[in-house]
N, C-alpha and C. Protein backbone atom coordinates (compact mmCIF):
# COMPACT_ATOMS: atom_id res chain seq x y z
N MET A 1 1.85 0.40 -5.12
CA MET A 1 2.23 0.38 -3.72
C MET A 1 1.51 1.49 -2.95
N PHE A 2 1.50 2.71 -3.51
CA PHE A 2 0.85 3.84 -2.86
C PHE A 2 -0.62 3.55 -2.59
N PHE A 3 -1.34 3.10 -3.62
CA PHE A 3 -2.77 2.86 -3.47
C PHE A 3 -3.04 1.70 -2.51
N ALA A 4 -2.19 0.67 -2.52
CA ALA A 4 -2.36 -0.45 -1.61
C ALA A 4 -2.19 0.00 -0.16
N LEU A 5 -1.15 0.79 0.10
CA LEU A 5 -0.92 1.30 1.46
C LEU A 5 -2.07 2.19 1.93
N ALA A 6 -2.51 3.08 1.06
CA ALA A 6 -3.61 3.97 1.43
C ALA A 6 -4.87 3.17 1.71
N LEU A 7 -5.16 2.17 0.88
CA LEU A 7 -6.36 1.35 1.06
C LEU A 7 -6.28 0.52 2.34
N ILE A 8 -5.15 -0.13 2.57
CA ILE A 8 -4.98 -0.93 3.80
C ILE A 8 -5.10 -0.02 5.02
N GLY A 9 -4.49 1.15 4.96
CA GLY A 9 -4.55 2.09 6.08
C GLY A 9 -5.96 2.55 6.39
N VAL A 10 -6.71 2.96 5.37
CA VAL A 10 -8.06 3.46 5.62
C VAL A 10 -8.98 2.33 6.08
N VAL A 11 -8.82 1.14 5.53
CA VAL A 11 -9.66 0.01 5.96
C VAL A 11 -9.35 -0.35 7.42
N ALA A 12 -8.06 -0.42 7.78
CA ALA A 12 -7.69 -0.74 9.16
C ALA A 12 -8.24 0.32 10.13
N ASP A 13 -8.14 1.58 9.74
CA ASP A 13 -8.62 2.66 10.59
C ASP A 13 -10.14 2.59 10.76
N LEU A 14 -10.87 2.53 9.67
CA LEU A 14 -12.33 2.54 9.76
C LEU A 14 -12.87 1.29 10.43
N TRP A 15 -12.27 0.14 10.14
CA TRP A 15 -12.70 -1.10 10.77
C TRP A 15 -12.46 -1.03 12.28
N SER A 16 -11.27 -0.56 12.69
CA SER A 16 -10.96 -0.51 14.13
C SER A 16 -11.88 0.47 14.86
N LYS A 17 -12.16 1.61 14.25
CA LYS A 17 -13.06 2.57 14.88
C LYS A 17 -14.46 1.95 15.06
N ALA A 18 -14.96 1.32 14.01
CA ALA A 18 -16.29 0.71 14.08
C ALA A 18 -16.32 -0.40 15.13
N ALA A 19 -15.30 -1.24 15.16
CA ALA A 19 -15.26 -2.36 16.09
C ALA A 19 -15.17 -1.87 17.54
N VAL A 20 -14.28 -0.92 17.79
CA VAL A 20 -14.11 -0.44 19.17
C VAL A 20 -15.35 0.31 19.64
N PHE A 21 -15.91 1.18 18.81
CA PHE A 21 -17.10 1.92 19.22
C PHE A 21 -18.29 0.97 19.40
N SER A 22 -18.36 -0.07 18.61
CA SER A 22 -19.44 -1.06 18.77
C SER A 22 -19.28 -1.82 20.09
N ALA A 23 -18.05 -2.20 20.41
CA ALA A 23 -17.80 -2.98 21.61
C ALA A 23 -17.80 -2.12 22.88
N ARG A 24 -17.27 -0.92 22.81
CA ARG A 24 -17.07 -0.10 24.00
C ARG A 24 -18.11 1.02 24.15
N GLY A 25 -18.90 1.27 23.11
CA GLY A 25 -19.92 2.30 23.19
C GLY A 25 -19.38 3.69 22.93
N LEU A 26 -20.25 4.65 23.10
CA LEU A 26 -19.89 6.05 22.87
C LEU A 26 -19.04 6.58 24.03
N PRO A 27 -18.35 7.70 23.82
CA PRO A 27 -17.53 8.26 24.89
C PRO A 27 -18.31 8.45 26.19
N GLY A 28 -17.69 8.04 27.28
CA GLY A 28 -18.29 8.19 28.59
C GLY A 28 -19.19 7.04 29.03
N GLU A 29 -19.49 6.12 28.11
CA GLU A 29 -20.38 5.02 28.48
C GLU A 29 -19.67 3.95 29.30
N LYS A 30 -18.38 3.77 29.10
CA LYS A 30 -17.61 2.76 29.84
C LYS A 30 -16.28 3.36 30.28
N SER A 31 -15.79 2.86 31.37
CA SER A 31 -14.45 3.25 31.84
C SER A 31 -13.40 2.71 30.86
N PRO A 32 -12.22 3.29 30.87
CA PRO A 32 -11.16 2.77 29.98
C PRO A 32 -10.87 1.30 30.25
N TYR A 33 -10.55 0.58 29.20
CA TYR A 33 -10.10 -0.80 29.31
C TYR A 33 -8.58 -0.76 29.18
N TRP A 34 -7.90 -1.13 30.26
CA TRP A 34 -6.44 -1.04 30.28
C TRP A 34 -5.81 -2.34 29.81
N ILE A 35 -4.95 -2.24 28.80
CA ILE A 35 -4.17 -3.38 28.33
C ILE A 35 -2.89 -3.47 29.16
N ILE A 36 -2.25 -2.34 29.37
CA ILE A 36 -1.14 -2.21 30.32
C ILE A 36 -1.62 -1.21 31.35
N ASP A 37 -1.89 -1.69 32.54
CA ASP A 37 -2.59 -0.92 33.56
C ASP A 37 -2.04 0.50 33.73
N GLY A 38 -2.92 1.47 33.51
CA GLY A 38 -2.60 2.88 33.70
C GLY A 38 -1.72 3.50 32.64
N ILE A 39 -1.29 2.72 31.64
CA ILE A 39 -0.39 3.25 30.60
C ILE A 39 -1.00 3.18 29.21
N PHE A 40 -1.50 2.02 28.83
CA PHE A 40 -2.00 1.81 27.47
C PHE A 40 -3.34 1.10 27.53
N GLY A 41 -4.34 1.69 26.86
CA GLY A 41 -5.66 1.09 26.90
C GLY A 41 -6.56 1.56 25.78
N ILE A 42 -7.83 1.27 25.95
CA ILE A 42 -8.85 1.61 24.96
C ILE A 42 -9.91 2.44 25.65
N GLU A 43 -10.22 3.58 25.05
CA GLU A 43 -11.28 4.46 25.55
C GLU A 43 -11.82 5.25 24.36
N THR A 44 -13.11 5.19 24.14
CA THR A 44 -13.68 5.92 23.02
C THR A 44 -13.74 7.41 23.32
N ALA A 45 -13.48 8.19 22.29
CA ALA A 45 -13.53 9.65 22.38
C ALA A 45 -13.86 10.19 21.00
N VAL A 46 -14.37 11.41 20.96
CA VAL A 46 -14.61 12.09 19.69
C VAL A 46 -13.88 13.42 19.74
N ASN A 47 -12.98 13.62 18.79
CA ASN A 47 -12.19 14.85 18.71
C ASN A 47 -12.86 15.78 17.70
N ILE A 48 -13.43 16.88 18.18
CA ILE A 48 -14.10 17.80 17.27
C ILE A 48 -13.14 18.87 16.74
N GLY A 49 -11.86 18.73 17.08
CA GLY A 49 -10.84 19.64 16.57
C GLY A 49 -9.85 18.88 15.70
N ALA A 50 -8.61 19.28 15.79
CA ALA A 50 -7.54 18.60 15.06
C ALA A 50 -6.52 18.11 16.09
N VAL A 51 -5.26 18.26 15.81
CA VAL A 51 -4.20 17.80 16.70
C VAL A 51 -4.41 18.37 18.11
N PHE A 52 -4.44 17.49 19.11
CA PHE A 52 -4.64 17.85 20.52
C PHE A 52 -5.94 18.63 20.73
N GLY A 53 -6.91 18.46 19.84
CA GLY A 53 -8.20 19.13 20.00
C GLY A 53 -8.21 20.58 19.58
N LEU A 54 -7.12 21.08 19.01
CA LEU A 54 -7.08 22.47 18.56
C LEU A 54 -8.05 22.68 17.41
N GLY A 55 -8.63 23.84 17.33
CA GLY A 55 -9.55 24.15 16.24
C GLY A 55 -10.91 23.50 16.38
N ALA A 56 -11.34 23.28 17.60
CA ALA A 56 -12.63 22.64 17.84
C ALA A 56 -13.74 23.37 17.09
N GLY A 57 -14.59 22.60 16.45
CA GLY A 57 -15.71 23.16 15.71
C GLY A 57 -15.37 23.58 14.29
N LYS A 58 -14.16 23.38 13.86
CA LYS A 58 -13.73 23.75 12.51
C LYS A 58 -13.63 22.53 11.59
N GLY A 59 -14.53 21.57 11.79
CA GLY A 59 -14.48 20.32 11.04
C GLY A 59 -14.55 20.50 9.54
N THR A 60 -15.36 21.43 9.06
CA THR A 60 -15.47 21.67 7.62
C THR A 60 -14.14 22.16 7.06
N PHE A 61 -13.49 23.06 7.78
CA PHE A 61 -12.18 23.55 7.36
C PHE A 61 -11.19 22.39 7.25
N PHE A 62 -11.16 21.52 8.28
CA PHE A 62 -10.21 20.39 8.26
C PHE A 62 -10.55 19.40 7.16
N ALA A 63 -11.84 19.23 6.85
CA ALA A 63 -12.23 18.33 5.76
C ALA A 63 -11.74 18.89 4.42
N VAL A 64 -11.94 20.18 4.19
CA VAL A 64 -11.47 20.82 2.95
C VAL A 64 -9.95 20.74 2.87
N PHE A 65 -9.27 21.02 3.98
CA PHE A 65 -7.81 20.94 4.00
C PHE A 65 -7.34 19.52 3.67
N SER A 66 -8.05 18.52 4.18
CA SER A 66 -7.70 17.12 3.90
C SER A 66 -7.82 16.80 2.42
N ILE A 67 -8.88 17.29 1.80
CA ILE A 67 -9.07 17.05 0.36
C ILE A 67 -7.97 17.72 -0.44
N ILE A 68 -7.62 18.94 -0.09
CA ILE A 68 -6.53 19.66 -0.79
C ILE A 68 -5.22 18.92 -0.59
N ALA A 69 -4.96 18.44 0.63
CA ALA A 69 -3.72 17.71 0.90
C ALA A 69 -3.67 16.42 0.08
N GLY A 70 -4.79 15.73 -0.02
CA GLY A 70 -4.84 14.51 -0.83
C GLY A 70 -4.54 14.77 -2.29
N ILE A 71 -5.09 15.84 -2.83
CA ILE A 71 -4.82 16.21 -4.22
C ILE A 71 -3.35 16.57 -4.39
N ALA A 72 -2.80 17.31 -3.44
CA ALA A 72 -1.38 17.68 -3.50
C ALA A 72 -0.48 16.45 -3.46
N ILE A 73 -0.84 15.46 -2.65
CA ILE A 73 -0.06 14.22 -2.58
C ILE A 73 -0.07 13.50 -3.92
N LEU A 74 -1.25 13.40 -4.53
CA LEU A 74 -1.33 12.74 -5.85
C LEU A 74 -0.50 13.48 -6.89
N ALA A 75 -0.55 14.81 -6.86
CA ALA A 75 0.25 15.60 -7.80
C ALA A 75 1.74 15.38 -7.54
N TRP A 76 2.15 15.40 -6.28
CA TRP A 76 3.57 15.21 -5.94
C TRP A 76 4.04 13.83 -6.42
N LEU A 77 3.21 12.83 -6.21
CA LEU A 77 3.60 11.47 -6.61
C LEU A 77 3.68 11.31 -8.12
N PHE A 78 2.62 11.68 -8.80
CA PHE A 78 2.49 11.28 -10.20
C PHE A 78 2.83 12.37 -11.21
N LYS A 79 2.79 13.62 -10.81
CA LYS A 79 3.17 14.69 -11.73
C LYS A 79 4.62 15.12 -11.51
N PHE A 80 5.01 15.16 -10.24
CA PHE A 80 6.34 15.67 -9.91
C PHE A 80 7.34 14.57 -9.56
N GLY A 81 6.96 13.31 -9.75
CA GLY A 81 7.92 12.21 -9.70
C GLY A 81 8.24 11.59 -8.36
N ALA A 82 7.52 11.91 -7.31
CA ALA A 82 7.83 11.30 -6.01
C ALA A 82 7.63 9.78 -6.04
N ALA A 83 6.78 9.30 -6.94
CA ALA A 83 6.52 7.86 -7.04
C ALA A 83 7.76 7.08 -7.47
N GLU A 84 8.78 7.77 -7.95
CA GLU A 84 10.03 7.09 -8.31
C GLU A 84 10.81 6.64 -7.08
N SER A 85 10.47 7.19 -5.92
CA SER A 85 11.13 6.84 -4.66
C SER A 85 10.22 5.92 -3.86
N LEU A 86 10.71 4.72 -3.55
CA LEU A 86 9.92 3.78 -2.76
C LEU A 86 9.66 4.37 -1.37
N TRP A 87 10.65 5.05 -0.78
CA TRP A 87 10.49 5.66 0.54
C TRP A 87 9.36 6.69 0.53
N LEU A 88 9.36 7.59 -0.47
CA LEU A 88 8.30 8.60 -0.56
C LEU A 88 6.95 7.96 -0.86
N THR A 89 6.94 6.94 -1.67
CA THR A 89 5.69 6.25 -1.98
C THR A 89 5.08 5.67 -0.70
N TRP A 90 5.91 5.05 0.12
CA TRP A 90 5.43 4.51 1.40
C TRP A 90 4.93 5.64 2.29
N ALA A 91 5.75 6.67 2.46
CA ALA A 91 5.38 7.78 3.35
C ALA A 91 4.06 8.40 2.92
N LEU A 92 3.92 8.69 1.64
CA LEU A 92 2.71 9.34 1.15
C LEU A 92 1.51 8.40 1.15
N GLY A 93 1.74 7.11 0.96
CA GLY A 93 0.66 6.13 1.06
C GLY A 93 0.11 6.07 2.48
N LEU A 94 1.01 6.08 3.47
CA LEU A 94 0.57 6.08 4.87
C LEU A 94 -0.20 7.36 5.19
N ILE A 95 0.33 8.48 4.75
CA ILE A 95 -0.34 9.77 5.01
C ILE A 95 -1.71 9.79 4.35
N CYS A 96 -1.80 9.32 3.13
CA CYS A 96 -3.09 9.32 2.43
C CYS A 96 -4.09 8.41 3.14
N GLY A 97 -3.65 7.24 3.61
CA GLY A 97 -4.54 6.37 4.38
C GLY A 97 -5.07 7.07 5.62
N GLY A 98 -4.18 7.81 6.31
CA GLY A 98 -4.60 8.56 7.49
C GLY A 98 -5.56 9.68 7.16
N ILE A 99 -5.27 10.39 6.08
CA ILE A 99 -6.16 11.47 5.64
C ILE A 99 -7.55 10.92 5.36
N LEU A 100 -7.62 9.82 4.61
CA LEU A 100 -8.92 9.27 4.22
C LEU A 100 -9.70 8.74 5.42
N GLY A 101 -9.00 8.11 6.36
CA GLY A 101 -9.68 7.59 7.55
C GLY A 101 -10.32 8.71 8.36
N ASN A 102 -9.56 9.77 8.61
CA ASN A 102 -10.12 10.87 9.38
C ASN A 102 -11.10 11.71 8.56
N LEU A 103 -10.91 11.79 7.25
CA LEU A 103 -11.84 12.53 6.40
C LEU A 103 -13.23 11.89 6.43
N TYR A 104 -13.28 10.57 6.41
CA TYR A 104 -14.55 9.85 6.52
C TYR A 104 -15.33 10.34 7.74
N ASP A 105 -14.61 10.42 8.86
CA ASP A 105 -15.26 10.89 10.09
C ASP A 105 -15.63 12.37 10.00
N ARG A 106 -14.73 13.20 9.49
CA ARG A 106 -14.98 14.64 9.40
C ARG A 106 -16.20 14.96 8.53
N LEU A 107 -16.44 14.12 7.54
CA LEU A 107 -17.60 14.32 6.67
C LEU A 107 -18.89 13.81 7.32
N GLY A 108 -18.79 13.31 8.55
CA GLY A 108 -19.97 12.88 9.29
C GLY A 108 -20.56 11.56 8.82
N MET A 109 -19.77 10.75 8.13
CA MET A 109 -20.31 9.52 7.57
C MET A 109 -20.56 8.45 8.63
N TRP A 110 -20.06 8.63 9.83
CA TRP A 110 -20.30 7.69 10.92
C TRP A 110 -21.40 8.18 11.87
N TRP A 111 -21.67 9.46 11.80
CA TRP A 111 -22.58 10.12 12.74
C TRP A 111 -24.01 9.65 12.51
N GLU A 112 -24.76 9.53 13.59
CA GLU A 112 -26.17 9.12 13.51
C GLU A 112 -27.04 10.15 14.23
N PRO A 113 -28.28 10.30 13.77
CA PRO A 113 -29.20 11.19 14.50
C PRO A 113 -29.30 10.76 15.97
N GLY A 114 -29.29 11.73 16.84
CA GLY A 114 -29.30 11.46 18.27
C GLY A 114 -27.94 11.64 18.92
N PHE A 115 -26.88 11.56 18.11
CA PHE A 115 -25.54 11.86 18.64
C PHE A 115 -25.44 13.37 18.81
N PRO A 116 -24.58 13.84 19.70
CA PRO A 116 -24.39 15.29 19.83
C PRO A 116 -24.00 15.94 18.50
N GLU A 117 -24.60 17.06 18.20
CA GLU A 117 -24.37 17.76 16.93
C GLU A 117 -22.89 18.07 16.67
N PRO A 118 -22.11 18.51 17.69
CA PRO A 118 -20.69 18.80 17.41
C PRO A 118 -19.91 17.57 16.92
N TRP A 119 -20.38 16.36 17.23
CA TRP A 119 -19.69 15.15 16.78
C TRP A 119 -19.82 14.93 15.28
N LYS A 120 -20.73 15.65 14.62
CA LYS A 120 -20.99 15.43 13.20
C LYS A 120 -19.71 15.57 12.36
N SER A 121 -18.82 16.44 12.75
CA SER A 121 -17.55 16.57 12.01
C SER A 121 -16.37 16.17 12.89
N GLY A 122 -16.66 15.38 13.92
CA GLY A 122 -15.61 14.92 14.83
C GLY A 122 -15.00 13.61 14.37
N VAL A 123 -13.79 13.37 14.84
CA VAL A 123 -13.05 12.16 14.50
C VAL A 123 -13.10 11.20 15.69
N ARG A 124 -13.43 9.95 15.40
CA ARG A 124 -13.48 8.93 16.46
C ARG A 124 -12.06 8.50 16.83
N ASP A 125 -11.77 8.57 18.12
CA ASP A 125 -10.48 8.14 18.66
C ASP A 125 -10.72 7.04 19.67
N TRP A 126 -9.73 6.19 19.87
CA TRP A 126 -9.93 5.10 20.82
C TRP A 126 -8.66 4.60 21.49
N ILE A 127 -7.50 4.96 21.01
CA ILE A 127 -6.26 4.49 21.62
C ILE A 127 -5.89 5.45 22.75
N LEU A 128 -5.72 4.91 23.95
CA LEU A 128 -5.45 5.69 25.15
C LEU A 128 -4.03 5.38 25.62
N PHE A 129 -3.24 6.42 25.84
CA PHE A 129 -1.85 6.27 26.26
C PHE A 129 -1.53 7.34 27.28
N ARG A 130 -0.84 6.97 28.33
CA ARG A 130 -0.40 7.98 29.29
C ARG A 130 0.78 7.45 30.10
N ILE A 131 1.56 8.38 30.58
CA ILE A 131 2.63 8.08 31.53
C ILE A 131 2.38 8.99 32.72
N GLU A 132 1.91 8.41 33.80
CA GLU A 132 1.48 9.18 34.97
C GLU A 132 2.60 10.07 35.49
N GLY A 133 2.25 11.34 35.69
CA GLY A 133 3.18 12.32 36.25
C GLY A 133 4.08 12.99 35.23
N LEU A 134 4.07 12.54 33.99
CA LEU A 134 4.90 13.16 32.96
C LEU A 134 4.07 14.15 32.16
N PRO A 135 4.41 15.44 32.24
CA PRO A 135 3.62 16.44 31.51
C PRO A 135 3.45 16.06 30.04
N MET A 136 2.31 16.38 29.51
CA MET A 136 1.88 16.08 28.13
C MET A 136 1.50 14.61 27.95
N PHE A 137 2.01 13.71 28.75
CA PHE A 137 1.70 12.29 28.60
C PHE A 137 0.76 11.79 29.68
N ASP A 138 0.19 12.71 30.47
CA ASP A 138 -0.68 12.31 31.57
C ASP A 138 -2.00 13.06 31.50
N PRO A 139 -2.94 12.66 30.70
CA PRO A 139 -2.83 11.65 29.65
C PRO A 139 -2.46 12.29 28.31
N TRP A 140 -1.99 11.50 27.41
CA TRP A 140 -1.81 11.89 26.02
C TRP A 140 -3.21 11.87 25.40
N PRO A 141 -3.56 12.80 24.53
CA PRO A 141 -4.91 12.75 23.93
C PRO A 141 -5.14 11.43 23.18
N ASN A 142 -6.35 10.92 23.29
CA ASN A 142 -6.70 9.69 22.56
C ASN A 142 -6.43 9.89 21.07
N PHE A 143 -6.12 8.81 20.40
CA PHE A 143 -5.86 8.87 18.96
C PHE A 143 -6.37 7.61 18.29
N ASN A 144 -6.11 7.45 17.01
CA ASN A 144 -6.62 6.30 16.26
C ASN A 144 -5.55 5.84 15.27
N ILE A 145 -5.86 4.84 14.49
CA ILE A 145 -4.89 4.32 13.51
C ILE A 145 -4.58 5.36 12.45
N ALA A 146 -5.58 6.12 12.00
CA ALA A 146 -5.32 7.16 10.99
C ALA A 146 -4.30 8.17 11.51
N ASP A 147 -4.44 8.58 12.77
CA ASP A 147 -3.48 9.52 13.35
C ASP A 147 -2.07 8.90 13.36
N SER A 148 -2.00 7.62 13.69
CA SER A 148 -0.71 6.93 13.71
C SER A 148 -0.09 6.89 12.32
N LEU A 149 -0.90 6.62 11.31
CA LEU A 149 -0.41 6.60 9.93
C LEU A 149 0.13 7.98 9.53
N LEU A 150 -0.59 9.03 9.93
CA LEU A 150 -0.16 10.39 9.61
C LEU A 150 1.18 10.71 10.28
N VAL A 151 1.34 10.32 11.53
CA VAL A 151 2.58 10.61 12.26
C VAL A 151 3.75 9.82 11.67
N VAL A 152 3.55 8.54 11.38
CA VAL A 152 4.64 7.73 10.81
C VAL A 152 5.01 8.26 9.43
N GLY A 153 4.00 8.57 8.61
CA GLY A 153 4.29 9.13 7.27
C GLY A 153 5.02 10.45 7.36
N ALA A 154 4.60 11.33 8.26
CA ALA A 154 5.27 12.63 8.43
C ALA A 154 6.70 12.44 8.92
N ALA A 155 6.91 11.48 9.83
CA ALA A 155 8.27 11.20 10.31
C ALA A 155 9.14 10.70 9.16
N MET A 156 8.57 9.88 8.29
CA MET A 156 9.32 9.39 7.12
C MET A 156 9.68 10.55 6.20
N LEU A 157 8.76 11.51 6.02
CA LEU A 157 9.08 12.68 5.20
C LEU A 157 10.20 13.50 5.83
N MET A 158 10.18 13.61 7.16
CA MET A 158 11.23 14.36 7.83
C MET A 158 12.58 13.65 7.67
N ILE A 159 12.59 12.34 7.83
CA ILE A 159 13.82 11.57 7.63
C ILE A 159 14.30 11.73 6.20
N GLN A 160 13.37 11.69 5.26
CA GLN A 160 13.72 11.88 3.84
C GLN A 160 14.38 13.23 3.62
N SER A 161 13.80 14.27 4.19
CA SER A 161 14.33 15.61 3.93
C SER A 161 15.67 15.85 4.62
N ILE A 162 15.90 15.21 5.76
CA ILE A 162 17.14 15.44 6.50
C ILE A 162 18.25 14.49 6.07
N PHE A 163 17.94 13.21 5.93
CA PHE A 163 18.99 12.22 5.72
C PHE A 163 19.04 11.60 4.33
N LEU A 164 17.92 11.55 3.64
CA LEU A 164 17.89 10.79 2.38
C LEU A 164 17.80 11.65 1.13
N ALA A 165 17.56 12.94 1.30
CA ALA A 165 17.41 13.81 0.13
C ALA A 165 18.72 13.88 -0.64
N ARG A 166 18.61 13.86 -1.93
CA ARG A 166 19.79 13.98 -2.78
C ARG A 166 20.32 15.40 -2.73
N ASP A 167 21.62 15.51 -2.78
CA ASP A 167 22.27 16.81 -2.86
C ASP A 167 22.10 17.33 -4.27
N PRO A 168 21.42 18.47 -4.47
CA PRO A 168 21.20 18.96 -5.83
C PRO A 168 22.50 19.17 -6.59
N GLU A 169 23.56 19.48 -5.89
CA GLU A 169 24.86 19.69 -6.54
C GLU A 169 25.36 18.39 -7.16
N SER A 170 25.10 17.25 -6.51
CA SER A 170 25.65 15.98 -6.98
C SER A 170 24.91 15.45 -8.20
N THR A 171 23.75 15.98 -8.51
CA THR A 171 22.99 15.47 -9.65
C THR A 171 23.33 16.20 -10.94
N HIS A 172 24.12 17.26 -10.85
CA HIS A 172 24.51 18.01 -12.04
C HIS A 172 26.01 17.91 -12.23
N SER A 173 26.42 17.92 -13.45
CA SER A 173 27.85 17.89 -13.75
C SER A 173 28.46 19.25 -13.51
N SER A 174 29.71 19.23 -13.06
CA SER A 174 30.41 20.49 -12.87
C SER A 174 30.88 21.01 -14.22
N PRO A 175 31.17 22.31 -14.32
CA PRO A 175 31.65 22.85 -15.60
C PRO A 175 32.90 22.13 -16.11
N GLN A 176 33.77 21.69 -15.22
CA GLN A 176 34.99 20.99 -15.63
C GLN A 176 34.63 19.63 -16.24
N GLU A 177 33.65 18.93 -15.64
CA GLU A 177 33.25 17.63 -16.17
C GLU A 177 32.61 17.77 -17.54
N LEU A 178 31.89 18.85 -17.76
CA LEU A 178 31.28 19.08 -19.06
C LEU A 178 32.32 19.33 -20.15
N GLN A 179 33.44 19.96 -19.79
CA GLN A 179 34.49 20.25 -20.76
C GLN A 179 35.27 18.98 -21.12
N ASN A 180 35.38 18.02 -20.24
CA ASN A 180 36.15 16.80 -20.52
C ASN A 180 35.39 15.89 -21.37
């Protein structure tokens, strides 16, 4: 299940980026295409940073961090038993798909000679969302399917830790139960 989710996620992300950039061109070549006028649309962008563009120019750092995170996820799943939980398997599969989709871009595997040099470790974004007049949402930074997978997977981990985590006390017998 984990590998299927990660594979479907990375394929959907990379395919959508290639299709949108092929159809809409590089950033700035075309005006946004609005699906819901002024709220939801398509606009190509390249994020040379991380979340909200923070850390611009640190693409190598983010690529290394992504590789370490991927290794940690595999260890958590298969060495430390997270794969026994379907919820965690789904969450980590989504996160891994997102990591791989953005890692492909960070490693410059989409970049071509003639593109701006800073884009070499940039991530292609294309989903445009905004709510006019609402701070932070006017506009919301462009994102992609990999980013969406990362956010949904992280939300699932948060739900797991708050609502679904087992109480460590309930998994062990009390001293009285051991005596009976």
